[in-house]
Amino acid sequence: MRRSVVLGWVSMWLLAQTGLAAAAEPHRVPDTLAERVQACTACHGKEGRATATGYFPRIAGKPAGYLYQQLRHFRDGRRHNVTMNHLVGQLSDAYLQEIAQHFASLDLPYPAPARAEGTPAQQAQAAALVQQGDARRELPACTACHGAAMTGRAPAVPGLLGLPRDYLIAQLGAWQTGQRQAAAPDCMAQVARRLSAQEVQAVAGWLAAQPVPAQPQPQPLPSTPPPVLLTCGSLAGAQP
């Protein structure tokens, strides 16, 4: 047998043995919370930044109390999403708190805002609803609860910027139809049901087109909160 053939067989045998040894060594994953929440990033994007698909919101940097409350709502059936209901259905309050704190602690860049949609009149109407509300219809301004910069209020009010337009439309629609619920009194359901379909589209499009400020972190509640027209039951018990 030629020497080159023998060397070839020896090389193949050595490669096979190396492969077997590598297969025998188990792949060890660090037991960290960041590793355990990889299932979340399949939909919400790397590190919870959201994806190009418009129905998955960014969760990185959201207030911990808000994230904790929403995880409990998915677990307890107040919010309906088959994947989320399954993922958190058996998790304890303590573990949901850990997950909420993890994503709330992430300070990551935001993408560029979406292109503005609608006519100038529709955009002006949406801006007025967000910034001033409509007292005649007992509609508070979005900024009254979500903050003047619309980046949210710690510990439990989420920001409205950096969210996909389709997601915002879907959530307002879910509140209108009762598919999404919060603790009574459910102020967001009351707000959503007082908006027309055209107003929902306009507000969602206007919000998605607004740039996120350089300091996007949720702001603390002011010592004297501004008066609002509605009371939100979800703010009670949202502390993680």
Protein backbone atom coordinates (compact mmCIF):
# COMPACT_ATOMS: atom_id res chain seq x y z
CA MET A 1 0.00 0.00 0.00
CA ARG A 2 1.36 3.37 -0.94
CA ARG A 3 2.64 5.58 1.83
CA SER A 4 0.34 8.43 0.74
CA VAL A 5 -2.73 6.17 1.03
CA VAL A 6 -1.72 5.06 4.51
CA LEU A 7 -1.20 8.64 5.60
CA GLY A 8 -4.61 9.53 4.18
CA TRP A 9 -6.34 6.80 6.18
CA VAL A 10 -4.46 7.81 9.32
CA SER A 11 -5.52 11.43 8.86
CA MET A 12 -9.14 10.43 8.41
CA TRP A 13 -9.00 8.24 11.52
CA LEU A 14 -7.52 11.07 13.57
CA LEU A 15 -10.21 13.48 12.36
CA ALA A 16 -12.91 10.98 13.25
CA GLN A 17 -11.48 10.50 16.73
CA THR A 18 -11.30 14.26 17.22
CA GLY A 19 -14.94 14.58 16.20
CA LEU A 20 -16.00 11.83 18.57
CA ALA A 21 -14.14 13.45 21.43
CA ALA A 22 -15.77 16.79 20.69
CA ALA A 23 -19.19 15.15 20.53
CA ALA A 24 -18.60 13.45 23.85
CA GLU A 25 -17.87 16.78 25.55
CA PRO A 26 -21.25 18.42 26.34
CA HIS A 27 -21.81 22.05 25.41
CA ARG A 28 -22.12 23.96 28.64
CA VAL A 29 -24.23 27.12 28.74
CA PRO A 30 -23.70 29.61 31.59
CA ASP A 31 -26.59 29.51 34.03
CA THR A 32 -27.35 33.21 33.88
CA LEU A 33 -30.61 35.08 33.49
CA ALA A 34 -29.36 36.53 30.21
CA GLU A 35 -29.10 32.99 28.84
CA ARG A 36 -32.46 31.93 30.25
CA VAL A 37 -34.33 34.78 28.56
CA GLN A 38 -33.03 33.87 25.10
CA ALA A 39 -36.54 32.61 24.36
CA CYS A 40 -37.77 36.21 24.74
CA THR A 41 -35.35 37.53 22.11
CA ALA A 42 -36.66 35.17 19.43
CA CYS A 43 -39.60 37.57 18.99
CA HIS A 44 -38.53 40.75 20.76
CA GLY A 45 -35.16 40.89 19.02
CA LYS A 46 -31.60 40.75 20.26
CA GLU A 47 -31.46 42.01 23.85
CA GLY A 48 -35.15 42.93 23.66
CA ARG A 49 -34.68 45.77 21.16
CA ALA A 50 -37.63 44.62 18.98
CA THR A 51 -37.45 43.38 15.40
CA ALA A 52 -38.48 44.62 11.98
CA THR A 53 -41.78 42.77 12.41
CA GLY A 54 -44.21 45.39 13.60
CA TYR A 55 -46.17 43.32 16.13
CA PHE A 56 -43.37 42.74 18.64
CA PRO A 57 -42.57 45.65 20.97
CA ARG A 58 -39.23 46.68 22.37
CA ILE A 59 -38.92 45.61 26.00
CA ALA A 60 -35.36 46.76 26.70
CA GLY A 61 -35.36 49.75 29.03
CA LYS A 62 -39.08 49.65 29.83
CA PRO A 63 -39.95 50.37 33.50
CA ALA A 64 -39.53 47.24 35.61
CA GLY A 65 -42.94 47.63 37.24
CA TYR A 66 -44.63 47.82 33.86
CA LEU A 67 -42.83 44.74 32.51
CA TYR A 68 -43.64 42.79 35.66
CA GLN A 69 -47.29 43.76 35.45
CA GLN A 70 -47.53 42.68 31.80
CA LEU A 71 -45.82 39.36 32.46
CA ARG A 72 -48.35 38.70 35.21
CA HIS A 73 -51.18 39.66 32.86
CA PHE A 74 -49.97 37.14 30.27
CA ARG A 75 -49.61 34.48 32.94
CA ASP A 76 -53.03 35.15 34.45
CA GLY A 77 -54.90 35.53 31.15
CA ARG A 78 -55.52 39.29 31.10
CA ARG A 79 -53.44 39.54 27.93
CA HIS A 80 -53.76 36.97 25.16
CA ASN A 81 -50.87 35.69 23.10
CA VAL A 82 -50.44 31.93 22.72
CA THR A 83 -46.64 32.05 22.86
CA MET A 84 -46.46 34.43 25.81
CA ASN A 85 -49.21 32.64 27.73
CA HIS A 86 -47.30 29.37 27.30
CA LEU A 87 -43.86 30.78 28.15
CA VAL A 88 -44.84 32.40 31.44
CA GLY A 89 -47.81 30.25 32.40
CA GLN A 90 -45.95 28.36 35.13
CA LEU A 91 -43.55 31.05 36.35
CA SER A 92 -43.65 32.48 39.86
CA ASP A 93 -44.01 36.16 40.74
CA ALA A 94 -40.40 36.17 41.92
CA TYR A 95 -39.09 34.86 38.61
CA LEU A 96 -41.23 37.32 36.64
CA GLN A 97 -39.71 40.09 38.75
CA GLU A 98 -36.22 38.91 37.82
CA ILE A 99 -37.07 38.91 34.13
CA ALA A 100 -38.62 42.38 34.38
CA GLN A 101 -35.60 43.79 36.20
CA HIS A 102 -33.24 42.25 33.63
CA PHE A 103 -34.85 43.89 30.61
CA ALA A 104 -35.51 47.16 32.45
CA SER A 105 -31.78 47.46 33.18
CA LEU A 106 -30.78 47.36 29.49
CA ASP A 107 -29.81 50.77 28.09
CA LEU A 108 -29.54 50.25 24.33
CA PRO A 109 -29.78 52.50 21.25
CA TYR A 110 -33.11 52.98 19.50
CA PRO A 111 -33.65 52.69 15.75
CA ALA A 112 -34.54 55.66 13.58
CA PRO A 113 -38.24 56.59 13.69
CA ALA A 114 -40.65 55.44 11.02
CA ARG A 115 -41.64 57.66 8.12
CA ALA A 116 -44.53 60.00 8.94
CA GLU A 117 -47.86 58.90 7.47
CA GLY A 118 -51.16 60.64 6.85
CA THR A 119 -52.10 64.12 5.76
CA PRO A 120 -50.90 67.22 7.62
CA ALA A 121 -54.39 67.55 9.10
CA GLN A 122 -54.32 63.96 10.40
CA GLN A 123 -50.87 64.47 11.88
CA ALA A 124 -51.98 67.67 13.58
CA GLN A 125 -55.05 65.91 15.00
CA ALA A 126 -52.89 63.07 16.34
CA ALA A 127 -50.39 65.48 17.92
CA ALA A 128 -53.23 67.32 19.64
CA LEU A 129 -54.70 64.11 21.08
CA VAL A 130 -51.29 62.97 22.34
CA GLN A 131 -50.23 66.31 23.81
CA GLN A 132 -53.55 67.89 24.86
CA GLY A 133 -56.22 65.19 24.86
CA ASP A 134 -59.89 66.08 24.47
CA ALA A 135 -61.56 67.15 27.71
CA ARG A 136 -64.96 67.23 26.00
CA ARG A 137 -64.73 63.44 25.57
CA GLU A 138 -62.88 62.91 28.87
CA LEU A 139 -59.79 61.89 26.93
CA PRO A 140 -56.60 62.75 28.83
CA ALA A 141 -53.45 63.67 26.95
CA CYS A 142 -51.11 60.70 26.49
CA THR A 143 -48.37 62.86 28.00
CA ALA A 144 -50.34 63.25 31.25
CA CYS A 145 -49.44 59.68 32.21
CA HIS A 146 -46.61 58.70 29.85
CA GLY A 147 -44.59 61.85 30.51
CA ALA A 148 -43.97 65.04 28.55
CA ALA A 149 -41.15 63.32 26.64
CA MET A 150 -43.34 60.19 26.19
CA THR A 151 -40.52 57.99 27.51
CA GLY A 152 -42.64 56.63 30.37
CA ARG A 153 -42.77 57.09 34.11
CA ALA A 154 -41.06 54.84 36.65
CA PRO A 155 -42.00 52.43 38.02
CA ALA A 156 -44.98 51.33 35.93
CA VAL A 157 -45.87 53.59 32.98
CA PRO A 158 -44.27 52.60 29.66
CA GLY A 159 -42.84 54.92 27.02
CA LEU A 160 -44.72 55.39 23.76
CA LEU A 161 -41.78 56.17 21.49
CA GLY A 162 -39.70 53.62 19.63
CA LEU A 163 -42.69 51.29 19.21
CA PRO A 164 -43.82 50.00 15.81
CA ARG A 165 -46.96 51.57 14.37
CA ASP A 166 -48.62 48.19 13.81
CA TYR A 167 -48.00 47.20 17.42
CA LEU A 168 -49.58 50.40 18.73
CA ILE A 169 -52.63 49.89 16.51
CA ALA A 170 -52.94 46.27 17.61
CA GLN A 171 -52.79 47.13 21.32
CA LEU A 172 -55.31 49.95 21.13
CA GLY A 173 -57.58 47.62 19.17
CA ALA A 174 -57.12 44.90 21.80
CA TRP A 175 -58.21 47.31 24.52
CA GLN A 176 -61.22 48.36 22.44
CA THR A 177 -62.37 44.75 22.02
CA GLY A 178 -61.48 43.50 25.52
CA GLN A 179 -58.69 41.22 24.27
CA ARG A 180 -56.28 43.18 26.47
CA GLN A 181 -57.28 44.02 30.02
CA ALA A 182 -55.71 45.65 33.04
CA ALA A 183 -56.70 45.87 36.67
CA ALA A 184 -59.91 47.82 37.23
CA PRO A 185 -60.46 50.63 36.66
CA ASP A 186 -58.91 49.91 33.26
CA CYS A 187 -58.05 53.42 32.12
CA MET A 188 -56.44 52.40 28.83
CA ALA A 189 -59.56 50.50 27.82
CA GLN A 190 -61.60 53.64 28.50
CA VAL A 191 -59.19 55.76 26.45
CA ALA A 192 -59.09 53.32 23.52
CA ARG A 193 -62.87 52.97 23.36
CA ARG A 194 -63.28 56.73 23.03
CA LEU A 195 -61.03 56.82 19.96
CA SER A 196 -62.34 56.23 16.46
CA ALA A 197 -60.58 53.80 14.11
CA GLN A 198 -59.21 56.78 12.18
CA GLU A 199 -57.87 58.37 15.38
CA VAL A 200 -56.18 55.11 16.40
CA GLN A 201 -54.42 54.95 13.02
CA ALA A 202 -53.40 58.61 13.18
CA VAL A 203 -52.10 58.50 16.78
CA ALA A 204 -50.16 55.27 16.18
CA GLY A 205 -48.58 56.64 13.01
CA TRP A 206 -47.67 59.94 14.65
CA LEU A 207 -46.08 58.27 17.67
CA ALA A 208 -44.06 55.84 15.53
CA ALA A 209 -42.66 58.76 13.53
CA GLN A 210 -41.37 60.69 16.58
CA PRO A 211 -37.64 60.51 17.35
CA VAL A 212 -36.62 59.06 20.68
CA PRO A 213 -34.82 61.69 22.82
CA ALA A 214 -31.16 61.37 23.70
CA GLN A 215 -32.14 60.40 27.26
CA PRO A 216 -34.86 57.78 26.68
CA GLN A 217 -35.04 56.44 30.23
CA PRO A 218 -38.41 56.54 32.03
CA GLN A 219 -38.71 59.61 34.22
CA PRO A 220 -39.70 59.44 37.89
CA LEU A 221 -43.18 60.47 38.87
CA PRO A 222 -43.27 64.17 39.79
CA SER A 223 -43.83 65.08 43.41
CA THR A 224 -47.17 66.55 42.35
CA PRO A 225 -48.52 64.42 39.50
CA PRO A 226 -50.50 66.32 36.86
CA PRO A 227 -54.28 65.91 37.06
CA VAL A 228 -55.70 63.31 34.71
CA LEU A 229 -59.28 62.57 33.77
CA LEU A 230 -59.11 58.84 34.50
CA THR A 231 -57.84 56.61 37.30
CA CYS A 232 -55.69 53.58 36.41
CA GLY A 233 -56.04 50.50 38.59
CA SER A 234 -52.94 48.91 37.05
CA LEU A 235 -50.68 51.40 38.81
CA ALA A 236 -51.50 49.77 42.13
CA GLY A 237 -49.42 46.69 42.77
CA ALA A 238 -47.07 47.27 39.84
CA GLN A 239 -44.00 47.58 42.05
CA PRO A 240 -41.67 44.65 41.33
